[in-house]
Amino acid sequence: MLARDGEAAVRAATLSGLASADGGLSLRGRLLIELADDPDPMVRQRVAVVARHLAPDAAPDILHWYTRDPNQTLRQLAATELGRLANPTAR
């Protein structure tokens, strides 16, 4: 329900909360994938940051897609997160 809230800040915060919660990745990963094409850049930025934690199998595709996003901040975040995927010991 929170992932469908009208406020982008609520949708983004929902992703942050899910990334820090224990439990199965499948439901959280599906939610992340649903929000990957959210119209608000803030939500897409949060997706980029938590993708490797919530949907590790889908993260590379989402992040590569984001490297072509019109939003410069999102493109930079996606590149950074792709680097973290390539080098898991990087922070």
C-alpha atoms as a PDB file:
ATOM      1  CA  MET A   1       0.000   0.000   0.000  1.00  0.00           C
ATOM      2  CA  LEU A   2       2.815   2.445   0.862  1.00  0.00           C
ATOM      3  CA  ALA A   3       4.542   1.673  -2.430  1.00  0.00           C
ATOM      4  CA  ARG A   4       1.484   3.058  -4.219  1.00  0.00           C
ATOM      5  CA  ASP A   5       1.188   6.205  -2.095  1.00  0.00           C
ATOM      6  CA  GLY A   6       0.656   9.455  -3.981  1.00  0.00           C
ATOM      7  CA  GLU A   7       3.729  11.024  -2.347  1.00  0.00           C
ATOM      8  CA  ALA A   8       7.071  10.116  -3.912  1.00  0.00           C
ATOM      9  CA  ALA A   9       8.814  10.567  -0.542  1.00  0.00           C
ATOM     10  CA  VAL A  10       6.624   7.826   0.956  1.00  0.00           C
ATOM     11  CA  ARG A  11       7.358   5.444  -1.929  1.00  0.00           C
ATOM     12  CA  ALA A  12      11.101   6.110  -1.606  1.00  0.00           C
ATOM     13  CA  ALA A  13      11.038   5.677   2.179  1.00  0.00           C
ATOM     14  CA  THR A  14       9.186   2.388   1.739  1.00  0.00           C
ATOM     15  CA  LEU A  15      12.101   1.066  -0.317  1.00  0.00           C
ATOM     16  CA  SER A  16      14.590   2.193   2.315  1.00  0.00           C
ATOM     17  CA  GLY A  17      12.608   0.419   5.014  1.00  0.00           C
ATOM     18  CA  LEU A  18      12.395  -2.768   2.996  1.00  0.00           C
ATOM     19  CA  ALA A  19      16.140  -2.745   2.366  1.00  0.00           C
ATOM     20  CA  SER A  20      16.805  -2.787   6.098  1.00  0.00           C
ATOM     21  CA  ALA A  21      14.140  -5.364   7.003  1.00  0.00           C
ATOM     22  CA  ASP A  22      14.695  -9.074   7.460  1.00  0.00           C
ATOM     23  CA  GLY A  23      12.731 -11.536   5.427  1.00  0.00           C
ATOM     24  CA  GLY A  24      12.408 -13.064   1.995  1.00  0.00           C
ATOM     25  CA  LEU A  25      13.725 -11.154  -0.956  1.00  0.00           C
ATOM     26  CA  SER A  26      11.092 -12.284  -3.445  1.00  0.00           C
ATOM     27  CA  LEU A  27       8.278  -9.973  -2.345  1.00  0.00           C
ATOM     28  CA  ARG A  28      10.634  -7.061  -1.698  1.00  0.00           C
ATOM     29  CA  GLY A  29      12.350  -7.662  -5.045  1.00  0.00           C
ATOM     30  CA  ARG A  30       9.036  -7.650  -6.902  1.00  0.00           C
ATOM     31  CA  LEU A  31       8.087  -4.388  -5.224  1.00  0.00           C
ATOM     32  CA  LEU A  32      11.423  -2.867  -6.197  1.00  0.00           C
ATOM     33  CA  ILE A  33      10.938  -3.963  -9.801  1.00  0.00           C
ATOM     34  CA  GLU A  34       7.438  -2.422  -9.795  1.00  0.00           C
ATOM     35  CA  LEU A  35       8.883   0.882  -8.604  1.00  0.00           C
ATOM     36  CA  ALA A  36      11.834   0.818 -11.026  1.00  0.00           C
ATOM     37  CA  ASP A  37       9.856   2.812 -13.575  1.00  0.00           C
ATOM     38  CA  ASP A  38       8.272   5.214 -11.083  1.00  0.00           C
ATOM     39  CA  PRO A  39       7.756   8.641 -12.668  1.00  0.00           C
ATOM     40  CA  ASP A  40       9.461  10.463  -9.802  1.00  0.00           C
ATOM     41  CA  PRO A  41      13.276  10.694  -9.947  1.00  0.00           C
ATOM     42  CA  MET A  42      13.542  10.467  -6.133  1.00  0.00           C
ATOM     43  CA  VAL A  43      11.921   7.037  -6.159  1.00  0.00           C
ATOM     44  CA  ARG A  44      14.099   5.818  -9.057  1.00  0.00           C
ATOM     45  CA  GLN A  45      17.176   7.089  -7.192  1.00  0.00           C
ATOM     46  CA  ARG A  46      16.180   5.064  -4.130  1.00  0.00           C
ATOM     47  CA  VAL A  47      15.621   2.025  -6.368  1.00  0.00           C
ATOM     48  CA  ALA A  48      19.168   2.440  -7.695  1.00  0.00           C
ATOM     49  CA  VAL A  49      20.631   2.548  -4.194  1.00  0.00           C
ATOM     50  CA  VAL A  50      18.791  -0.499  -2.809  1.00  0.00           C
ATOM     51  CA  ALA A  51      18.500  -2.638  -5.966  1.00  0.00           C
ATOM     52  CA  ARG A  52      21.529  -4.806  -5.234  1.00  0.00           C
ATOM     53  CA  HIS A  53      20.127  -5.571  -1.763  1.00  0.00           C
ATOM     54  CA  LEU A  54      16.486  -6.169  -2.671  1.00  0.00           C
ATOM     55  CA  ALA A  55      16.736  -7.662  -6.155  1.00  0.00           C
ATOM     56  CA  PRO A  56      20.328  -8.751  -6.786  1.00  0.00           C
ATOM     57  CA  ASP A  57      19.411 -10.671  -9.948  1.00  0.00           C
ATOM     58  CA  ALA A  58      17.519  -7.746 -11.484  1.00  0.00           C
ATOM     59  CA  ALA A  59      19.879  -5.012 -10.254  1.00  0.00           C
ATOM     60  CA  PRO A  60      22.290  -5.060 -13.223  1.00  0.00           C
ATOM     61  CA  ASP A  61      19.472  -4.655 -15.747  1.00  0.00           C
ATOM     62  CA  ILE A  62      17.789  -1.889 -13.756  1.00  0.00           C
ATOM     63  CA  LEU A  63      21.060  -0.038 -13.208  1.00  0.00           C
ATOM     64  CA  HIS A  64      22.116  -0.292 -16.856  1.00  0.00           C
ATOM     65  CA  TRP A  65      18.705   1.061 -17.843  1.00  0.00           C
ATOM     66  CA  TYR A  66      19.134   3.931 -15.373  1.00  0.00           C
ATOM     67  CA  THR A  67      22.482   4.916 -16.915  1.00  0.00           C
ATOM     68  CA  ARG A  68      20.401   6.209 -19.845  1.00  0.00           C
ATOM     69  CA  ASP A  69      17.822   8.052 -17.714  1.00  0.00           C
ATOM     70  CA  PRO A  70      17.277  11.774 -18.424  1.00  0.00           C
ATOM     71  CA  ASN A  71      17.986  12.553 -14.754  1.00  0.00           C
ATOM     72  CA  GLN A  72      21.719  13.196 -14.317  1.00  0.00           C
ATOM     73  CA  THR A  73      21.744  12.335 -10.615  1.00  0.00           C
ATOM     74  CA  LEU A  74      20.137   8.978 -11.354  1.00  0.00           C
ATOM     75  CA  ARG A  75      22.649   8.261 -14.120  1.00  0.00           C
ATOM     76  CA  GLN A  76      25.517   8.954 -11.711  1.00  0.00           C
ATOM     77  CA  LEU A  77      23.979   6.839  -8.944  1.00  0.00           C
ATOM     78  CA  ALA A  78      23.415   3.976 -11.368  1.00  0.00           C
ATOM     79  CA  ALA A  79      27.050   4.101 -12.508  1.00  0.00           C
ATOM     80  CA  THR A  80      28.233   4.097  -8.888  1.00  0.00           C
ATOM     81  CA  GLU A  81      25.996   1.159  -7.991  1.00  0.00           C
ATOM     82  CA  LEU A  82      27.108  -0.771 -11.077  1.00  0.00           C
ATOM     83  CA  GLY A  83      30.670  -0.286  -9.852  1.00  0.00           C
ATOM     84  CA  ARG A  84      29.654  -1.703  -6.487  1.00  0.00           C
ATOM     85  CA  LEU A  85      28.133  -4.716  -8.200  1.00  0.00           C
ATOM     86  CA  ALA A  86      31.359  -5.300 -10.117  1.00  0.00           C
ATOM     87  CA  ASN A  87      33.439  -4.880  -6.949  1.00  0.00           C
ATOM     88  CA  PRO A  88      31.359  -6.195  -3.997  1.00  0.00           C
ATOM     89  CA  THR A  89      33.977  -5.122  -1.450  1.00  0.00           C
ATOM     90  CA  ALA A  90      33.569  -1.462  -2.462  1.00  0.00           C
ATOM     91  CA  ARG A  91      31.340   0.644  -0.255  1.00  0.00           C
END
